[in-house]
Structures are given as C-alpha cells and as structure tokens.
C-alpha atoms as a PDB file:
ATOM      1  CA  MET A   1     165.488  74.651 106.332  1.00  0.00           C
ATOM      2  CA  LYS A   2     168.920  73.451 105.279  1.00  0.00           C
ATOM      3  CA  SER A   3     169.784  76.753 103.606  1.00  0.00           C
ATOM      4  CA  PHE A   4     168.641  78.669 106.705  1.00  0.00           C
ATOM      5  CA  LEU A   5     170.904  76.508 108.834  1.00  0.00           C
ATOM      6  CA  LEU A   6     173.869  77.004 106.517  1.00  0.00           C
ATOM      7  CA  SER A   7     173.347  80.716 105.917  1.00  0.00           C
ATOM      8  CA  ARG A   8     172.294  81.982 109.377  1.00  0.00           C
ATOM      9  CA  VAL A   9     172.741  79.574 112.248  1.00  0.00           C
ATOM     10  CA  LEU A  10     176.089  78.028 111.422  1.00  0.00           C
ATOM     11  CA  PRO A  11     177.991  81.316 110.844  1.00  0.00           C
ATOM     12  CA  THR A  12     176.442  82.831 113.974  1.00  0.00           C
ATOM     13  CA  LEU A  13     177.444  79.818 116.043  1.00  0.00           C
ATOM     14  CA  PHE A  14     180.953  79.964 114.610  1.00  0.00           C
ATOM     15  CA  LEU A  15     181.325  83.664 115.472  1.00  0.00           C
ATOM     16  CA  LEU A  16     180.040  83.125 119.003  1.00  0.00           C
ATOM     17  CA  VAL A  17     182.508  80.324 119.616  1.00  0.00           C
ATOM     18  CA  ALA A  18     185.426  82.114 117.953  1.00  0.00           C
ATOM     19  CA  PHE A  19     185.010  85.503 119.647  1.00  0.00           C
ATOM     20  CA  GLY A  20     183.166  84.522 122.823  1.00  0.00           C
ATOM     21  CA  GLU A  21     186.245  84.737 124.983  1.00  0.00           C
ATOM     22  CA  ALA A  22     187.187  88.206 123.730  1.00  0.00           C
ATOM     23  CA  VAL A  23     183.915  89.863 124.744  1.00  0.00           C
ATOM     24  CA  LEU A  24     183.914  88.841 128.396  1.00  0.00           C
ATOM     25  CA  ALA A  25     183.686  91.726 130.844  1.00  0.00           C
ATOM     26  CA  GLN A  26     186.776  92.623 132.800  1.00  0.00           C
ATOM     27  CA  ALA A  27     186.840  93.480 136.481  1.00  0.00           C
ATOM     28  CA  PRO A  28     187.908  97.016 137.457  1.00  0.00           C
ATOM     29  CA  ALA A  29     191.557  97.367 138.444  1.00  0.00           C
ATOM     30  CA  ASP A  30     191.036  98.882 141.890  1.00  0.00           C
ATOM     31  CA  GLY A  31     187.664  97.382 142.762  1.00  0.00           C
ATOM     32  CA  GLY A  32     185.852 100.696 142.772  1.00  0.00           C
ATOM     33  CA  PRO A  33     184.346 102.517 145.737  1.00  0.00           C
ATOM     34  CA  ALA A  34     182.622 100.494 148.429  1.00  0.00           C
ATOM     35  CA  PRO A  35     178.902 101.170 148.866  1.00  0.00           C
ATOM     36  CA  THR A  36     178.098 103.075 152.028  1.00  0.00           C
ATOM     37  CA  GLY A  37     174.563 101.817 152.574  1.00  0.00           C
ATOM     38  CA  PRO A  38     171.446 100.611 150.835  1.00  0.00           C
ATOM     39  CA  THR A  39     170.391 102.736 147.905  1.00  0.00           C
ATOM     40  CA  ALA A  40     166.841 104.002 147.754  1.00  0.00           C
ATOM     41  CA  THR A  41     165.148 103.154 144.475  1.00  0.00           C
ATOM     42  CA  PRO A  42     161.943 105.084 143.803  1.00  0.00           C
ATOM     43  CA  LEU A  43     159.347 102.662 142.466  1.00  0.00           C
ATOM     44  CA  ASP A  44     156.430 105.056 142.766  1.00  0.00           C
ATOM     45  CA  GLY A  45     156.456 106.807 139.400  1.00  0.00           C
ATOM     46  CA  GLY A  46     157.411 103.873 137.205  1.00  0.00           C
ATOM     47  CA  VAL A  47     154.970 101.408 138.694  1.00  0.00           C
ATOM     48  CA  SER A  48     152.055 103.821 138.537  1.00  0.00           C
ATOM     49  CA  LEU A  49     152.819 104.631 134.890  1.00  0.00           C
ATOM     50  CA  LEU A  50     153.028 100.941 134.041  1.00  0.00           C
ATOM     51  CA  LEU A  51     149.754 100.276 135.822  1.00  0.00           C
ATOM     52  CA  ALA A  52     148.005 103.159 134.055  1.00  0.00           C
ATOM     53  CA  GLY A  53     149.352 102.002 130.699  1.00  0.00           C
ATOM     54  CA  GLY A  54     148.132  98.461 131.357  1.00  0.00           C
ATOM     55  CA  VAL A  55     144.662  99.669 132.279  1.00  0.00           C
ATOM     56  CA  ILE A  56     144.453 101.840 129.155  1.00  0.00           C
ATOM     57  CA  TYR A  57     145.674  98.977 126.971  1.00  0.00           C
ATOM     58  CA  GLY A  58     143.160  96.563 128.516  1.00  0.00           C
ATOM     59  CA  LEU A  59     140.244  98.959 128.110  1.00  0.00           C
ATOM     60  CA  ASN A  60     141.202  99.631 124.499  1.00  0.00           C
ATOM     61  CA  HIS A  61     141.445  95.890 123.840  1.00  0.00           C
ATOM     62  CA  LEU A  62     138.007  95.260 125.364  1.00  0.00           C
ATOM     63  CA  ARG A  63     136.468  98.137 123.409  1.00  0.00           C
ATOM     64  CA  ASN A  64     137.887  96.828 120.132  1.00  0.00           C
ATOM     65  CA  ARG A  65     136.630  93.329 120.937  1.00  0.00           C
ATOM     66  CA  ARG A  66     133.085  94.639 121.531  1.00  0.00           C
ATOM     67  CA  LYS A  67     133.164  96.581 118.257  1.00  0.00           C
ATOM     68  CA  ARG A  68     133.972  93.394 116.317  1.00  0.00           C
ATOM     69  CA  ALA A  69     131.208  91.347 117.946  1.00  0.00           C
END
C-alpha cells in the first residue's frame, strides 16, 4: 500500500495541484452569439435504442441464469 501511495497517488496529486490552474477553461472574448429560443432535442431515437438494448441485455441475463440452474 505504501509503494502504491508513493508511486501513483502522490505524483498524481502533485501534478493536479501544480498544473490545475493552467487547465481552467477560458471564457470566449466576445461572449458568442445569443440563443434565439429553446432548442429542440430529439429524445425519441436514443431513448428507444437504450430501452431496446436494456431489454435484450435483461433477457440474455435471465436466459444465462436459467442455463446455469
């Protein structure tokens, strides 16, 4: 545990502290264009694919569980 702390955690912590200020995001110079209205985000396709993938994964998991028993 001590070697893990000395070889991985301590150098990582040092680098984060030393260079943390340099990697902060900067604001745009002119502020960018103002949004004109609410943007429409289509959730139809992504949600249905996620749902179908979840159902397939669940059915596969149940089938594998029944094979083992």
